[in-house]
Amino acid sequence: MNDDTSDLGRVGLWTFAFDDQPAQRVREAAAEIEELGYGALWFGEGFGRDSVSQAWLLLSATRRLVVGAGIANIALRDPITMAAAERALNEAHPGRYLLGLGGHRVSDTPVQMDGYSIPSRGRAVRTMGAYLDAMDAIPLGSPAPAAPPRRVLAALGPRMLALAAERTLGAHPYFVPVEHTHRARQTMGPGAFLAVEQAVVLDTDLTRAREVARGHLGPYIGLAAHQIANLRRLGFGDDDLTDGGSDRLVDAIVAYGDADVIAERVRAHLDAGADHVCLQVLTATPATLPMREWRELSALATAG
């Protein structure tokens, strides 16, 4: 496993917004993000472009930028297909692809994503461990990349964090407060890579910013059992998990204000043990690329 992460820098971007854009607009945006000085660009996977296709698109539009799958859902992809794609992406774009794996959800019934049923894959840690075993055992015949691949796991609970530290480069926690970063570092130890997603609203109007933030929190605290379980481990209770989330929860998950306030949240994660913080900009129009905000926040990525 290639454990050099210096090329990602301390601050990157995370987005779902590319799924709503035509391919040419995605290429143009990725090229500008690279020129702004960001070291890494992470993207999610839902029912837009699949994770591998999105990675190809972003890598082909840039020259230096690290592209991180945050995450590729193991429930949607056979390990043979994932291992072959990981090798091909790393061979074609040496050292610039970072594979995040997740989707290891535990449920007695199929998980609903936009009305579509995704079957449970069984116990989370066991399922992810078996998936990694399968990827490592596949006898791939395509050209080998120049450098070993880099992988991280979408990890929240202690056992998945421990697996991430043991079997991969580290963890990519999503939808977490600074306290989780502190606990994750304690669980994984000093050597594992910790790349934390942080949602932000670049707006100094508190009422307006919290409204945008609650729109982001709603689906996660309404349907995502693993996110709810993680929040309960962190001390949030029933009063925090209703009506779009309490102010305490919203303020812990989303940072809002000007660039200085967001820089403070980034520093808090870094001080708590994060190696890299990827900023997910939230706006009132999520289908529109937040280019203005990405430009304004780029100083955080280029700061020493």
Protein backbone atom coordinates (compact mmCIF):
# COMPACT_ATOMS: atom_id res chain seq x y z
CA MET A 1 0.00 0.00 0.00
CA ASN A 2 1.37 3.42 -0.98
CA ASP A 3 1.30 5.44 2.24
CA ASP A 4 2.54 8.80 0.92
CA THR A 5 -0.28 11.35 1.22
CA SER A 6 1.70 14.59 1.05
CA ASP A 7 0.35 15.30 -2.43
CA LEU A 8 -3.21 15.68 -1.08
CA GLY A 9 -2.31 18.68 1.05
CA ARG A 10 -4.14 19.62 4.21
CA VAL A 11 -7.36 20.84 2.56
CA GLY A 12 -9.26 19.42 -0.41
CA LEU A 13 -12.79 19.55 -1.82
CA TRP A 14 -15.65 17.05 -1.59
CA THR A 15 -18.76 17.24 -3.80
CA PHE A 16 -21.85 15.51 -5.14
CA ALA A 17 -22.53 18.41 -7.50
CA PHE A 18 -20.80 16.94 -10.55
CA ASP A 19 -23.65 14.45 -11.03
CA ASP A 20 -25.93 17.29 -12.17
CA GLN A 21 -23.47 18.69 -14.71
CA PRO A 22 -22.69 17.71 -18.32
CA ALA A 23 -19.29 16.11 -18.81
CA GLN A 24 -17.67 19.15 -20.40
CA ARG A 25 -18.67 21.37 -17.48
CA VAL A 26 -17.20 18.82 -15.07
CA ARG A 27 -13.92 18.83 -17.00
CA GLU A 28 -13.75 22.62 -16.93
CA ALA A 29 -14.51 22.78 -13.21
CA ALA A 30 -11.94 20.11 -12.34
CA ALA A 31 -9.26 21.93 -14.32
CA GLU A 32 -10.02 25.17 -12.49
CA ILE A 33 -10.01 23.42 -9.10
CA GLU A 34 -6.52 22.15 -9.89
CA GLU A 35 -5.36 25.64 -10.89
CA LEU A 36 -6.79 27.06 -7.65
CA GLY A 37 -4.23 24.96 -5.80
CA TYR A 38 -6.31 22.21 -4.24
CA GLY A 39 -4.39 18.97 -3.94
CA ALA A 40 -7.35 16.61 -3.83
CA LEU A 41 -10.89 16.42 -5.15
CA TRP A 42 -13.29 13.90 -3.61
CA PHE A 43 -16.71 12.91 -4.93
CA GLY A 44 -19.59 10.76 -3.74
CA GLU A 45 -21.50 8.03 -5.55
CA GLY A 46 -25.27 7.90 -5.76
CA PHE A 47 -27.39 7.44 -8.86
CA GLY A 48 -25.46 9.88 -11.05
CA ARG A 49 -22.28 8.78 -12.76
CA ASP A 50 -20.85 5.63 -11.27
CA SER A 51 -17.70 6.06 -9.22
CA VAL A 52 -15.28 4.66 -11.80
CA SER A 53 -16.67 6.74 -14.68
CA GLN A 54 -16.57 9.90 -12.58
CA ALA A 55 -12.96 9.21 -11.62
CA TRP A 56 -11.96 8.74 -15.28
CA LEU A 57 -13.63 12.01 -16.20
CA LEU A 58 -11.89 13.99 -13.45
CA LEU A 59 -8.48 12.41 -13.93
CA SER A 60 -8.54 12.95 -17.68
CA ALA A 61 -9.31 16.66 -17.19
CA THR A 62 -6.41 17.31 -14.80
CA ARG A 63 -2.67 16.73 -14.58
CA ARG A 64 -1.67 16.75 -10.90
CA LEU A 65 -4.86 16.67 -8.84
CA VAL A 66 -5.49 13.61 -6.67
CA VAL A 67 -8.99 12.26 -7.29
CA GLY A 68 -10.59 10.49 -4.34
CA ALA A 69 -13.63 8.23 -4.51
CA GLY A 70 -15.51 9.14 -1.37
CA ILE A 71 -16.87 6.49 -1.58
CA ALA A 72 -17.26 3.71 -4.15
CA ASN A 73 -20.17 1.63 -2.87
CA ILE A 74 -19.27 -2.05 -2.48
CA ALA A 75 -22.96 -2.97 -2.66
CA LEU A 76 -23.03 -1.79 -6.27
CA ARG A 77 -19.82 -3.35 -7.57
CA ASP A 78 -18.29 -6.82 -7.61
CA PRO A 79 -14.77 -6.91 -6.11
CA ILE A 80 -13.37 -8.22 -9.40
CA THR A 81 -14.71 -5.17 -11.22
CA MET A 82 -13.48 -2.83 -8.48
CA ALA A 83 -9.98 -4.31 -8.38
CA ALA A 84 -9.64 -4.17 -12.17
CA ALA A 85 -10.85 -0.56 -12.28
CA GLU A 86 -8.53 0.46 -9.44
CA ARG A 87 -5.55 -0.98 -11.30
CA ALA A 88 -6.51 0.60 -14.62
CA LEU A 89 -7.02 4.06 -13.10
CA ASN A 90 -3.68 3.90 -11.27
CA GLU A 91 -1.86 2.61 -14.34
CA ALA A 92 -3.25 5.36 -16.57
CA HIS A 93 -2.85 8.15 -13.98
CA PRO A 94 0.05 7.10 -11.74
CA GLY A 95 -0.38 8.02 -8.10
CA ARG A 96 -3.41 10.24 -8.65
CA TYR A 97 -6.30 7.96 -7.75
CA LEU A 98 -7.35 7.22 -4.18
CA LEU A 99 -10.05 4.59 -3.75
CA GLY A 100 -12.46 5.04 -0.87
CA LEU A 101 -14.62 1.98 -0.18
CA GLY A 102 -17.90 1.97 1.72
CA GLY A 103 -21.53 0.97 1.48
CA HIS A 104 -21.12 -1.77 4.13
CA ARG A 105 -24.55 -1.20 5.62
CA VAL A 106 -26.25 -3.53 8.07
CA SER A 107 -30.01 -3.84 7.74
CA ASP A 108 -32.71 -6.46 8.15
CA THR A 109 -34.40 -5.03 5.08
CA PRO A 110 -33.02 -3.60 1.83
CA VAL A 111 -31.74 -0.04 2.10
CA GLN A 112 -33.76 2.47 0.10
CA MET A 113 -31.82 4.94 -2.07
CA ASP A 114 -34.13 7.30 -3.95
CA GLY A 115 -36.81 4.62 -3.87
CA TYR A 116 -34.49 1.86 -5.11
CA SER A 117 -33.82 -1.15 -2.88
CA ILE A 118 -30.19 -2.09 -2.25
CA PRO A 119 -29.87 -5.43 -0.40
CA SER A 120 -27.98 -5.60 2.87
CA ARG A 121 -24.48 -7.05 2.58
CA GLY A 122 -24.41 -8.51 6.09
CA ARG A 123 -22.31 -7.54 9.09
CA ALA A 124 -20.34 -4.41 8.25
CA VAL A 125 -16.77 -5.20 9.35
CA ARG A 126 -16.94 -8.82 8.21
CA THR A 127 -18.39 -7.78 4.86
CA MET A 128 -15.74 -5.14 4.23
CA GLY A 129 -12.94 -7.46 5.30
CA ALA A 130 -14.17 -10.13 2.88
CA TYR A 131 -14.43 -7.56 0.09
CA LEU A 132 -10.82 -6.47 0.65
CA ASP A 133 -9.72 -10.11 0.72
CA ALA A 134 -11.43 -10.71 -2.61
CA MET A 135 -9.87 -7.62 -4.22
CA ASP A 136 -6.41 -8.66 -3.07
CA ALA A 137 -6.81 -12.26 -4.30
CA ILE A 138 -7.94 -11.50 -7.85
CA PRO A 139 -5.23 -12.48 -10.42
CA LEU A 140 -5.32 -9.35 -12.55
CA GLY A 141 -3.62 -9.52 -15.94
CA SER A 142 -3.64 -5.88 -17.00
CA PRO A 143 -0.49 -3.74 -16.82
CA ALA A 144 0.53 -3.02 -13.24
CA PRO A 145 0.65 0.61 -12.10
CA ALA A 146 3.99 2.20 -11.29
CA ALA A 147 3.06 2.71 -7.63
CA PRO A 148 0.92 0.60 -5.27
CA PRO A 149 -2.72 1.68 -5.00
CA ARG A 150 -4.04 3.82 -2.18
CA ARG A 151 -7.25 2.84 -0.40
CA VAL A 152 -9.25 4.17 2.53
CA LEU A 153 -12.47 3.01 4.17
CA ALA A 154 -15.61 4.94 5.00
CA ALA A 155 -15.31 4.31 8.73
CA LEU A 156 -17.28 5.65 11.68
CA GLY A 157 -17.40 3.05 14.46
CA PRO A 158 -14.37 1.74 16.37
CA ARG A 159 -14.23 -1.66 14.67
CA MET A 160 -14.40 -0.25 11.14
CA LEU A 161 -11.80 2.39 12.05
CA ALA A 162 -9.53 -0.36 13.34
CA LEU A 163 -10.02 -2.34 10.12
CA ALA A 164 -9.21 0.76 8.08
CA ALA A 165 -5.95 1.24 9.97
CA GLU A 166 -5.04 -2.45 9.66
CA ARG A 167 -5.94 -3.15 6.05
CA THR A 168 -5.78 0.18 4.18
CA LEU A 169 -4.12 3.57 4.21
CA GLY A 170 -6.70 4.79 6.71
CA ALA A 171 -10.21 6.22 7.03
CA HIS A 172 -12.48 8.71 5.31
CA PRO A 173 -15.18 9.63 7.86
CA TYR A 174 -18.20 11.52 6.53
CA PHE A 175 -20.80 13.60 8.40
CA VAL A 176 -18.80 13.85 11.61
CA PRO A 177 -18.00 16.53 14.21
CA VAL A 178 -14.52 17.32 15.50
CA GLU A 179 -15.03 15.03 18.49
CA HIS A 180 -15.26 12.06 16.12
CA THR A 181 -11.92 13.03 14.57
CA HIS A 182 -10.36 12.97 18.02
CA ARG A 183 -11.82 9.53 18.76
CA ALA A 184 -10.88 8.18 15.34
CA ARG A 185 -7.26 9.17 15.82
CA GLN A 186 -7.18 7.49 19.22
CA THR A 187 -8.65 4.31 17.73
CA MET A 188 -6.44 4.11 14.65
CA GLY A 189 -3.18 5.23 16.23
CA PRO A 190 -0.65 7.73 14.92
CA GLY A 191 0.31 6.08 11.63
CA ALA A 192 -3.03 5.75 9.81
CA PHE A 193 -4.22 8.38 7.33
CA LEU A 194 -7.35 10.27 8.41
CA ALA A 195 -9.21 12.27 5.74
CA VAL A 196 -12.31 13.93 7.20
CA GLU A 197 -15.21 15.37 5.22
CA GLN A 198 -16.45 18.70 6.59
CA ALA A 199 -19.66 20.32 5.33
CA VAL A 200 -19.55 24.13 5.15
CA VAL A 201 -21.87 27.02 4.30
CA LEU A 202 -20.02 30.16 3.26
CA ASP A 203 -22.59 32.59 4.62
CA THR A 204 -22.47 34.90 7.65
CA ASP A 205 -26.27 35.04 8.01
CA LEU A 206 -26.86 32.48 10.79
CA THR A 207 -30.55 31.87 10.06
CA ARG A 208 -29.98 31.37 6.35
CA ALA A 209 -26.90 29.21 6.89
CA ARG A 210 -28.67 26.92 9.37
CA GLU A 211 -31.57 26.50 6.95
CA VAL A 212 -29.17 25.27 4.27
CA ALA A 213 -27.40 23.07 6.81
CA ARG A 214 -30.65 21.45 7.97
CA GLY A 215 -31.50 20.61 4.39
CA HIS A 216 -28.24 18.67 4.31
CA LEU A 217 -28.74 16.95 7.67
CA GLY A 218 -32.33 15.87 7.09
CA PRO A 219 -31.80 12.78 4.91
CA TYR A 220 -28.95 11.48 7.07
CA ILE A 221 -30.72 11.71 10.42
CA GLY A 222 -33.98 10.57 8.88
CA LEU A 223 -32.88 7.41 7.08
CA ALA A 224 -29.19 6.62 7.62
CA ALA A 225 -29.09 4.21 10.56
CA HIS A 226 -25.28 4.07 10.63
CA GLN A 227 -25.06 7.87 10.86
CA ILE A 228 -27.65 7.97 13.65
CA ALA A 229 -25.77 5.26 15.57
CA ASN A 230 -22.55 7.20 15.22
CA LEU A 231 -24.14 10.41 16.47
CA ARG A 232 -25.57 8.59 19.48
CA ARG A 233 -22.09 7.25 20.30
CA LEU A 234 -20.94 10.87 20.31
CA GLY A 235 -23.59 11.88 22.86
CA PHE A 236 -26.40 13.22 20.67
CA GLY A 237 -29.87 12.12 21.76
CA ASP A 238 -33.45 12.04 20.54
CA ASP A 239 -33.89 15.79 20.94
CA ASP A 240 -30.95 16.37 18.59
CA LEU A 241 -32.19 13.97 15.91
CA THR A 242 -35.63 15.42 15.09
CA ASP A 243 -36.93 18.31 12.99
CA GLY A 244 -33.82 18.50 10.85
CA GLY A 245 -31.49 18.42 13.82
CA SER A 246 -31.00 20.56 16.91
CA ASP A 247 -28.88 23.70 16.73
CA ARG A 248 -26.23 21.82 18.70
CA LEU A 249 -26.10 19.03 16.12
CA VAL A 250 -26.26 21.35 13.11
CA ASP A 251 -23.44 23.47 14.51
CA ALA A 252 -21.31 20.39 15.16
CA ILE A 253 -21.73 18.86 11.69
CA VAL A 254 -21.70 21.99 9.51
CA ALA A 255 -19.35 24.97 9.75
CA TYR A 256 -20.79 28.26 8.56
CA GLY A 257 -19.64 31.82 8.35
CA ASP A 258 -16.84 33.50 6.43
CA ALA A 259 -13.60 31.86 5.30
CA ASP A 260 -11.93 32.62 8.64
CA VAL A 261 -14.60 30.72 10.57
CA ILE A 262 -14.30 27.75 8.23
CA ALA A 263 -10.52 27.87 8.61
CA GLU A 264 -11.01 27.56 12.37
CA ARG A 265 -13.05 24.36 11.89
CA VAL A 266 -10.35 22.96 9.61
CA ARG A 267 -7.71 23.71 12.24
CA ALA A 268 -9.87 22.03 14.88
CA HIS A 269 -9.97 18.80 12.84
CA LEU A 270 -6.23 18.96 12.20
CA ASP A 271 -5.53 19.58 15.88
CA ALA A 272 -7.78 16.61 16.73
CA GLY A 273 -5.71 14.31 14.54
CA ALA A 274 -6.89 14.66 10.93
CA ASP A 275 -4.27 14.60 8.18
CA HIS A 276 -6.57 16.03 5.52
CA VAL A 277 -9.92 17.85 5.58
CA CYS A 278 -12.10 17.85 2.46
CA LEU A 279 -14.66 20.64 2.38
CA GLN A 280 -18.16 19.97 1.07
CA VAL A 281 -19.70 23.34 0.21
CA LEU A 282 -23.46 23.45 0.78
CA THR A 283 -25.68 26.04 -0.90
CA ALA A 284 -29.39 26.68 -1.36
CA THR A 285 -29.02 25.42 -4.97
CA PRO A 286 -27.20 22.08 -4.65
CA ALA A 287 -27.50 21.29 -8.38
CA THR A 288 -25.30 24.29 -9.18
CA LEU A 289 -21.52 24.06 -8.89
CA PRO A 290 -20.35 26.30 -6.02
CA MET A 291 -17.51 27.80 -8.03
CA ARG A 292 -17.56 31.14 -6.16
CA GLU A 293 -17.21 29.38 -2.81
CA TRP A 294 -14.50 27.02 -4.08
CA ARG A 295 -12.54 30.01 -5.31
CA GLU A 296 -12.93 31.88 -2.03
CA LEU A 297 -11.88 28.88 0.06
CA SER A 298 -8.87 28.02 -2.09
CA ALA A 299 -6.63 30.10 0.17
CA LEU A 300 -7.10 27.42 2.82
CA ALA A 301 -5.65 24.82 0.46
CA THR A 302 -2.61 26.89 -0.46
CA ALA A 303 -1.81 28.18 3.03
CA GLY A 304 1.41 26.83 4.53
